Amino acid sequence: MVEYITYKKKKYPVRVSYFALKHMAKESGSKEISMENIGNMDIEMYESLLFYSLQAGTKAEETTFSFEKKDMEMILDECLMEFVNLIPKFFPKPQEEEGTAKKKK
């Protein structure tokens, strides 16, 4: 699965994948990555997450990756909320218990 961010009126593929999470965790020194961690992480870590997610997205789309890590600050300056809002799409939602799902029908 790939999503897209818009930067300078151009769409770029983003994939918050194992690769992206692993490299972000390595940089942050965190052993635990979860939606809760990402929602509460230091804002500068979004630069790492975006950098590696763009790499994963361009690889998945078989396109060329043309950014440097230092570019992430300005990219996020333009599309921070767009990126933050697409992150949950890459994490599975907890499954409801079968009995709870049947009661709702």
N, C-alpha and C. Protein backbone atom coordinates (compact mmCIF):
# COMPACT_ATOMS: atom_id res chain seq x y z
N MET A 1 0.84 -1.18 0.00
CA MET A 1 0.00 0.00 0.00
C MET A 1 0.89 1.25 0.00
N VAL A 2 0.51 2.19 -0.80
CA VAL A 2 1.23 3.46 -0.89
C VAL A 2 0.21 4.59 -0.81
N GLU A 3 0.54 5.63 -0.08
CA GLU A 3 -0.24 6.85 -0.01
C GLU A 3 0.62 7.96 -0.61
N TYR A 4 0.08 9.17 -0.68
CA TYR A 4 0.83 10.26 -1.30
C TYR A 4 0.76 11.53 -0.47
N ILE A 5 1.87 12.25 -0.46
CA ILE A 5 1.90 13.60 0.11
C ILE A 5 2.09 14.56 -1.06
N THR A 6 1.71 15.80 -0.84
CA THR A 6 1.88 16.82 -1.87
C THR A 6 2.93 17.81 -1.39
N TYR A 7 3.91 18.03 -2.24
CA TYR A 7 4.97 19.00 -1.93
C TYR A 7 5.26 19.77 -3.21
N LYS A 8 5.17 21.07 -3.12
CA LYS A 8 5.37 21.94 -4.29
C LYS A 8 4.50 21.51 -5.46
N LYS A 9 3.24 21.25 -5.13
CA LYS A 9 2.20 20.89 -6.11
C LYS A 9 2.47 19.58 -6.86
N LYS A 10 3.31 18.73 -6.28
CA LYS A 10 3.61 17.45 -6.89
C LYS A 10 3.35 16.35 -5.85
N LYS A 11 2.83 15.22 -6.30
CA LYS A 11 2.53 14.08 -5.42
C LYS A 11 3.76 13.17 -5.31
N TYR A 12 4.04 12.73 -4.08
CA TYR A 12 5.15 11.82 -3.83
C TYR A 12 4.64 10.61 -3.06
N PRO A 13 5.07 9.41 -3.46
CA PRO A 13 4.61 8.20 -2.78
C PRO A 13 5.26 8.03 -1.42
N VAL A 14 4.44 7.64 -0.47
CA VAL A 14 4.88 7.43 0.91
C VAL A 14 4.37 6.07 1.36
N ARG A 15 5.23 5.35 2.04
CA ARG A 15 4.85 4.04 2.58
C ARG A 15 5.46 3.89 3.97
N VAL A 16 4.63 3.94 5.00
CA VAL A 16 5.10 3.75 6.37
C VAL A 16 5.17 2.25 6.58
N SER A 17 6.34 1.71 6.30
CA SER A 17 6.53 0.26 6.25
C SER A 17 7.52 -0.20 7.33
N TYR A 18 7.77 -1.49 7.33
CA TYR A 18 8.78 -2.05 8.25
C TYR A 18 10.10 -1.32 8.09
N PHE A 19 10.52 -1.12 6.85
CA PHE A 19 11.78 -0.42 6.56
C PHE A 19 11.80 0.95 7.23
N ALA A 20 10.74 1.73 7.01
CA ALA A 20 10.68 3.09 7.55
C ALA A 20 10.67 3.08 9.08
N LEU A 21 9.86 2.20 9.67
CA LEU A 21 9.77 2.13 11.13
C LEU A 21 11.07 1.65 11.75
N LYS A 22 11.71 0.69 11.12
CA LYS A 22 12.97 0.15 11.64
C LYS A 22 14.05 1.24 11.67
N HIS A 23 14.18 1.98 10.59
CA HIS A 23 15.21 3.01 10.54
C HIS A 23 14.89 4.20 11.44
N MET A 24 13.62 4.55 11.56
CA MET A 24 13.24 5.61 12.48
C MET A 24 13.53 5.19 13.92
N ALA A 25 13.20 3.94 14.26
CA ALA A 25 13.44 3.43 15.61
C ALA A 25 14.94 3.41 15.91
N LYS A 26 15.72 3.03 14.93
CA LYS A 26 17.17 3.00 15.11
C LYS A 26 17.71 4.40 15.43
N GLU A 27 17.23 5.39 14.72
CA GLU A 27 17.67 6.76 14.96
C GLU A 27 17.21 7.30 16.31
N SER A 28 15.99 6.90 16.71
CA SER A 28 15.44 7.43 17.96
C SER A 28 15.92 6.66 19.17
N GLY A 29 16.43 5.45 18.94
CA GLY A 29 16.85 4.60 20.05
C GLY A 29 15.69 3.88 20.70
N SER A 30 14.51 3.95 20.10
CA SER A 30 13.32 3.31 20.65
C SER A 30 13.24 1.87 20.18
N LYS A 31 12.90 0.98 21.08
CA LYS A 31 12.72 -0.43 20.73
C LYS A 31 11.25 -0.73 20.44
N GLU A 32 10.35 0.15 20.89
CA GLU A 32 8.93 -0.07 20.71
C GLU A 32 8.35 0.97 19.78
N ILE A 33 7.74 0.52 18.71
CA ILE A 33 7.06 1.41 17.80
C ILE A 33 5.59 1.00 17.76
N SER A 34 4.72 1.94 18.07
CA SER A 34 3.29 1.70 18.02
C SER A 34 2.61 3.01 17.67
N MET A 35 1.32 2.96 17.41
CA MET A 35 0.60 4.19 17.10
C MET A 35 0.70 5.18 18.26
N GLU A 36 0.68 4.66 19.48
CA GLU A 36 0.78 5.55 20.64
C GLU A 36 2.13 6.25 20.66
N ASN A 37 3.20 5.50 20.38
CA ASN A 37 4.54 6.08 20.35
C ASN A 37 4.64 7.15 19.27
N ILE A 38 4.14 6.83 18.09
CA ILE A 38 4.23 7.76 16.97
C ILE A 38 3.44 9.02 17.27
N GLY A 39 2.28 8.88 17.86
CA GLY A 39 1.47 10.04 18.20
C GLY A 39 2.10 10.93 19.24
N ASN A 40 3.00 10.37 20.06
CA ASN A 40 3.62 11.14 21.14
C ASN A 40 5.12 11.37 20.94
N MET A 41 5.63 11.05 19.75
CA MET A 41 7.08 11.17 19.55
C MET A 41 7.50 12.63 19.39
N ASP A 42 8.77 12.85 19.63
CA ASP A 42 9.37 14.17 19.44
C ASP A 42 9.09 14.60 18.01
N ILE A 43 8.66 15.82 17.82
CA ILE A 43 8.25 16.29 16.50
C ILE A 43 9.37 16.15 15.46
N GLU A 44 10.60 16.24 15.86
CA GLU A 44 11.70 16.11 14.90
C GLU A 44 11.82 14.69 14.33
N MET A 45 11.24 13.71 15.03
CA MET A 45 11.30 12.34 14.52
C MET A 45 10.42 12.16 13.28
N TYR A 46 9.47 13.07 13.08
CA TYR A 46 8.68 13.00 11.85
C TYR A 46 9.57 13.17 10.61
N GLU A 47 10.66 13.90 10.77
CA GLU A 47 11.59 14.07 9.65
C GLU A 47 12.19 12.72 9.26
N SER A 48 12.61 11.94 10.24
CA SER A 48 13.15 10.60 9.95
C SER A 48 12.09 9.69 9.38
N LEU A 49 10.90 9.71 9.99
CA LEU A 49 9.83 8.83 9.51
C LEU A 49 9.46 9.18 8.07
N LEU A 50 9.35 10.46 7.76
CA LEU A 50 9.03 10.85 6.39
C LEU A 50 10.15 10.46 5.43
N PHE A 51 11.37 10.69 5.81
CA PHE A 51 12.51 10.37 4.95
C PHE A 51 12.49 8.90 4.55
N TYR A 52 12.36 8.03 5.52
CA TYR A 52 12.37 6.59 5.23
C TYR A 52 11.07 6.13 4.57
N SER A 53 9.97 6.79 4.89
CA SER A 53 8.69 6.46 4.24
C SER A 53 8.70 6.87 2.77
N LEU A 54 9.33 7.98 2.46
CA LEU A 54 9.48 8.39 1.05
C LEU A 54 10.37 7.40 0.30
N GLN A 55 11.45 6.95 0.96
CA GLN A 55 12.31 5.95 0.32
C GLN A 55 11.52 4.67 0.03
N ALA A 56 10.74 4.22 1.02
CA ALA A 56 9.95 3.00 0.85
C ALA A 56 8.87 3.20 -0.22
N GLY A 57 8.27 4.37 -0.26
CA GLY A 57 7.24 4.66 -1.25
C GLY A 57 7.78 4.69 -2.66
N THR A 58 8.93 5.32 -2.84
CA THR A 58 9.51 5.38 -4.19
C THR A 58 9.98 4.00 -4.64
N LYS A 59 10.46 3.19 -3.70
CA LYS A 59 10.87 1.83 -4.06
C LYS A 59 9.65 1.01 -4.48
N ALA A 60 8.56 1.14 -3.73
CA ALA A 60 7.34 0.41 -4.06
C ALA A 60 6.77 0.83 -5.41
N GLU A 61 6.90 2.10 -5.73
CA GLU A 61 6.39 2.62 -7.00
C GLU A 61 7.42 2.52 -8.13
N GLU A 62 8.61 2.05 -7.78
CA GLU A 62 9.71 1.94 -8.73
C GLU A 62 10.01 3.26 -9.42
N THR A 63 10.08 4.32 -8.59
CA THR A 63 10.46 5.64 -9.08
C THR A 63 11.77 6.05 -8.41
N THR A 64 12.25 7.22 -8.76
CA THR A 64 13.54 7.69 -8.25
C THR A 64 13.35 8.51 -6.98
N PHE A 65 14.17 8.22 -6.00
CA PHE A 65 14.19 8.98 -4.74
C PHE A 65 15.17 10.12 -4.91
N SER A 66 14.70 11.35 -4.78
CA SER A 66 15.55 12.50 -5.09
C SER A 66 15.75 13.46 -3.93
N PHE A 67 15.41 13.04 -2.71
CA PHE A 67 15.54 13.94 -1.56
C PHE A 67 16.71 13.56 -0.67
N GLU A 68 17.15 14.53 0.11
CA GLU A 68 18.14 14.30 1.16
C GLU A 68 17.45 14.49 2.49
N LYS A 69 18.04 13.95 3.52
CA LYS A 69 17.43 14.04 4.86
C LYS A 69 17.18 15.49 5.26
N LYS A 70 18.07 16.38 4.88
CA LYS A 70 17.93 17.80 5.26
C LYS A 70 16.71 18.44 4.61
N ASP A 71 16.16 17.84 3.56
CA ASP A 71 14.99 18.38 2.87
C ASP A 71 13.69 18.15 3.65
N MET A 72 13.70 17.22 4.58
CA MET A 72 12.47 16.81 5.25
C MET A 72 11.82 17.94 6.05
N GLU A 73 12.62 18.80 6.64
CA GLU A 73 12.07 19.90 7.43
C GLU A 73 11.16 20.79 6.57
N MET A 74 11.61 21.15 5.39
CA MET A 74 10.81 22.02 4.52
C MET A 74 9.64 21.28 3.89
N ILE A 75 9.81 20.00 3.62
CA ILE A 75 8.69 19.22 3.10
C ILE A 75 7.59 19.15 4.15
N LEU A 76 7.97 18.84 5.38
CA LEU A 76 6.99 18.78 6.47
C LEU A 76 6.37 20.13 6.76
N ASP A 77 7.13 21.19 6.52
CA ASP A 77 6.59 22.53 6.72
C ASP A 77 5.38 22.76 5.82
N GLU A 78 5.37 22.13 4.68
CA GLU A 78 4.27 22.26 3.73
C GLU A 78 3.17 21.21 3.92
N CYS A 79 3.55 20.01 4.36
CA CYS A 79 2.55 18.92 4.37
C CYS A 79 2.51 18.13 5.67
N LEU A 80 2.84 18.74 6.78
CA LEU A 80 2.88 18.01 8.06
C LEU A 80 1.55 17.32 8.36
N MET A 81 0.45 18.06 8.32
CA MET A 81 -0.84 17.45 8.69
C MET A 81 -1.26 16.38 7.69
N GLU A 82 -0.94 16.57 6.44
CA GLU A 82 -1.24 15.55 5.43
C GLU A 82 -0.50 14.25 5.77
N PHE A 83 0.77 14.36 6.12
CA PHE A 83 1.57 13.19 6.47
C PHE A 83 1.07 12.55 7.77
N VAL A 84 0.85 13.35 8.78
CA VAL A 84 0.39 12.84 10.08
C VAL A 84 -0.94 12.11 9.92
N ASN A 85 -1.83 12.64 9.10
CA ASN A 85 -3.15 12.03 8.92
C ASN A 85 -3.11 10.73 8.12
N LEU A 86 -2.09 10.51 7.33
CA LEU A 86 -2.04 9.26 6.57
C LEU A 86 -1.32 8.14 7.32
N ILE A 87 -0.56 8.46 8.34
CA ILE A 87 0.17 7.44 9.10
C ILE A 87 -0.73 6.32 9.63
N PRO A 88 -1.89 6.63 10.24
CA PRO A 88 -2.73 5.55 10.77
C PRO A 88 -3.21 4.56 9.72
N LYS A 89 -3.24 4.95 8.46
CA LYS A 89 -3.68 4.05 7.40
C LYS A 89 -2.75 2.84 7.24
N PHE A 90 -1.52 2.96 7.74
CA PHE A 90 -0.54 1.88 7.61
C PHE A 90 -0.53 0.93 8.79
N PHE A 91 -1.35 1.20 9.80
CA PHE A 91 -1.41 0.35 10.98
C PHE A 91 -2.75 -0.35 11.02
N PRO A 92 -2.75 -1.67 11.23
CA PRO A 92 -4.02 -2.40 11.27
C PRO A 92 -4.86 -1.95 12.46
N LYS A 93 -6.16 -1.92 12.23
CA LYS A 93 -7.08 -1.60 13.32
C LYS A 93 -7.30 -2.85 14.15
N PRO A 94 -7.43 -2.71 15.46
CA PRO A 94 -7.69 -3.88 16.30
C PRO A 94 -9.00 -4.55 15.87
N GLN A 95 -8.99 -5.86 15.82
CA GLN A 95 -10.18 -6.62 15.44
C GLN A 95 -11.15 -6.65 16.61
N GLU A 96 -12.41 -6.41 16.29
CA GLU A 96 -13.43 -6.52 17.33
C GLU A 96 -13.64 -7.99 17.64
N GLU A 97 -14.01 -8.26 18.87
CA GLU A 97 -14.33 -9.63 19.22
C GLU A 97 -15.59 -10.03 18.45
N GLU A 98 -15.68 -11.28 18.08
CA GLU A 98 -16.77 -11.75 17.23
C GLU A 98 -18.13 -11.44 17.85
N GLY A 99 -18.30 -11.63 19.12
CA GLY A 99 -19.57 -11.38 19.79
C GLY A 99 -19.95 -9.90 19.75
N THR A 100 -18.99 -9.02 19.90
CA THR A 100 -19.25 -7.59 19.87
C THR A 100 -19.69 -7.16 18.48
N ALA A 101 -19.06 -7.69 17.46
CA ALA A 101 -19.41 -7.34 16.09
C ALA A 101 -20.82 -7.80 15.74
N LYS A 102 -21.22 -8.97 16.21
CA LYS A 102 -22.55 -9.50 15.92
C LYS A 102 -23.62 -8.67 16.62
N LYS A 103 -23.34 -8.19 17.84
CA LYS A 103 -24.33 -7.40 18.58
C LYS A 103 -24.62 -6.08 17.87
N LYS A 104 -23.65 -5.54 17.17
CA LYS A 104 -23.81 -4.24 16.50
C LYS A 104 -24.67 -4.34 15.26
N LYS A 105 -24.82 -5.54 14.71
CA LYS A 105 -25.59 -5.71 13.47
C LYS A 105 -27.07 -5.60 13.68
